[in-house]
N, C-alpha and C. Protein backbone atom coordinates (compact mmCIF):
# COMPACT_ATOMS: atom_id res chain seq x y z
N MET A 1 99.15 78.65 152.18
CA MET A 1 98.62 79.75 151.41
C MET A 1 97.67 79.24 150.32
N ASP A 2 97.98 78.08 149.75
CA ASP A 2 97.11 77.53 148.71
C ASP A 2 95.71 77.26 149.24
N ALA A 3 95.60 76.78 150.48
CA ALA A 3 94.29 76.50 151.06
C ALA A 3 93.46 77.78 151.19
N VAL A 4 94.11 78.87 151.58
CA VAL A 4 93.41 80.16 151.70
C VAL A 4 92.94 80.61 150.32
N ASN A 5 93.80 80.54 149.33
CA ASN A 5 93.42 80.96 147.98
C ASN A 5 92.31 80.08 147.42
N ASP A 6 92.35 78.79 147.67
CA ASP A 6 91.29 77.89 147.21
C ASP A 6 89.95 78.27 147.84
N TYR A 7 89.98 78.54 149.14
CA TYR A 7 88.74 78.94 149.84
C TYR A 7 88.21 80.25 149.29
N LEU A 8 89.08 81.24 149.12
CA LEU A 8 88.65 82.54 148.61
C LEU A 8 88.07 82.44 147.20
N SER A 9 88.60 81.54 146.39
CA SER A 9 88.10 81.39 145.01
C SER A 9 86.68 80.86 144.98
N GLU A 10 86.22 80.23 146.07
CA GLU A 10 84.86 79.70 146.14
C GLU A 10 83.84 80.75 146.56
N LEU A 11 84.30 81.90 147.05
CA LEU A 11 83.41 82.94 147.57
C LEU A 11 83.13 84.00 146.53
N GLU A 12 81.95 84.60 146.64
CA GLU A 12 81.66 85.78 145.85
C GLU A 12 82.34 86.97 146.52
N GLU A 13 83.00 87.80 145.74
CA GLU A 13 83.77 88.91 146.31
C GLU A 13 82.91 89.83 147.16
N LYS A 14 81.66 90.03 146.79
CA LYS A 14 80.79 90.94 147.55
C LYS A 14 80.49 90.42 148.95
N ASN A 15 80.71 89.12 149.22
CA ASN A 15 80.45 88.55 150.54
C ASN A 15 81.68 88.54 151.44
N ILE A 16 82.83 88.95 150.94
CA ILE A 16 84.04 89.02 151.77
C ILE A 16 84.05 90.36 152.48
N VAL A 17 83.97 90.33 153.80
CA VAL A 17 83.94 91.54 154.61
C VAL A 17 85.35 92.01 154.93
N SER A 18 86.22 91.07 155.33
CA SER A 18 87.56 91.44 155.77
C SER A 18 88.50 90.23 155.67
N ILE A 19 89.75 90.52 155.36
CA ILE A 19 90.79 89.49 155.38
C ILE A 19 91.99 90.08 156.13
N GLN A 20 92.44 89.37 157.16
CA GLN A 20 93.59 89.82 157.94
C GLN A 20 94.63 88.70 157.95
N TYR A 21 95.84 89.05 157.56
CA TYR A 21 96.93 88.07 157.53
C TYR A 21 97.89 88.35 158.67
N ALA A 22 98.50 87.29 159.19
CA ALA A 22 99.52 87.44 160.23
C ALA A 22 100.64 86.45 159.95
N THR A 23 101.86 86.89 160.20
CA THR A 23 103.01 86.00 160.07
C THR A 23 103.84 86.08 161.35
N SER A 24 104.55 85.02 161.61
CA SER A 24 105.41 84.98 162.78
C SER A 24 106.55 84.02 162.50
N HIS A 25 107.64 84.18 163.23
CA HIS A 25 108.75 83.24 163.09
C HIS A 25 109.59 83.25 164.36
N PHE A 26 110.30 82.16 164.54
CA PHE A 26 111.28 82.11 165.63
C PHE A 26 112.39 81.16 165.23
N SER A 27 113.49 81.28 165.91
CA SER A 27 114.68 80.48 165.59
C SER A 27 115.09 79.62 166.76
N THR A 28 115.61 78.43 166.42
CA THR A 28 116.30 77.61 167.40
C THR A 28 117.76 77.58 166.97
N LEU A 29 118.54 76.72 167.53
CA LEU A 29 119.96 76.70 167.19
C LEU A 29 120.22 76.41 165.71
N ASN A 30 119.46 75.49 165.14
CA ASN A 30 119.76 75.05 163.76
C ASN A 30 118.64 75.28 162.75
N GLU A 31 117.54 75.87 163.16
CA GLU A 31 116.44 76.04 162.21
C GLU A 31 115.61 77.27 162.52
N GLN A 32 114.81 77.68 161.54
CA GLN A 32 113.87 78.76 161.71
C GLN A 32 112.47 78.23 161.43
N ILE A 33 111.53 78.62 162.24
CA ILE A 33 110.14 78.19 162.09
C ILE A 33 109.32 79.41 161.68
N PHE A 34 108.54 79.27 160.62
CA PHE A 34 107.68 80.34 160.14
C PHE A 34 106.23 79.91 160.26
N SER A 35 105.36 80.83 160.63
CA SER A 35 103.94 80.56 160.79
C SER A 35 103.15 81.61 160.00
N PHE A 36 102.08 81.16 159.35
CA PHE A 36 101.23 82.05 158.57
C PHE A 36 99.79 81.75 158.94
N SER A 37 98.99 82.79 159.18
CA SER A 37 97.57 82.58 159.45
C SER A 37 96.75 83.66 158.76
N ALA A 38 95.48 83.35 158.54
CA ALA A 38 94.57 84.30 157.92
C ALA A 38 93.22 84.23 158.63
N CYS A 39 92.66 85.39 158.89
CA CYS A 39 91.31 85.49 159.45
C CYS A 39 90.43 86.07 158.35
N ILE A 40 89.44 85.30 157.92
CA ILE A 40 88.57 85.71 156.82
C ILE A 40 87.15 85.86 157.36
N VAL A 41 86.60 87.06 157.26
CA VAL A 41 85.24 87.32 157.70
C VAL A 41 84.36 87.42 156.46
N VAL A 42 83.33 86.57 156.41
CA VAL A 42 82.44 86.55 155.25
C VAL A 42 81.00 86.80 155.69
N ARG A 43 80.23 87.33 154.79
CA ARG A 43 78.80 87.55 155.00
C ARG A 43 78.07 86.29 154.55
N ILE A 44 77.23 85.75 155.44
CA ILE A 44 76.45 84.54 155.13
C ILE A 44 75.00 84.94 154.91
N LYS A 45 74.45 84.53 153.79
CA LYS A 45 73.04 84.83 153.49
C LYS A 45 72.14 83.83 154.22
N GLU A 46 71.04 84.34 154.74
CA GLU A 46 70.07 83.48 155.41
C GLU A 46 68.78 83.45 154.64
């Protein structure tokens, strides 16, 4: 999550088009695995 926040702090808010977060998890006998992802769509000036 820190990497996503660091990246977002470098962008101008007006150039952020969309942010979509997804989480997932599954269990084995002795542990639980959690996954987090983010899709960030930004406007790039040419």
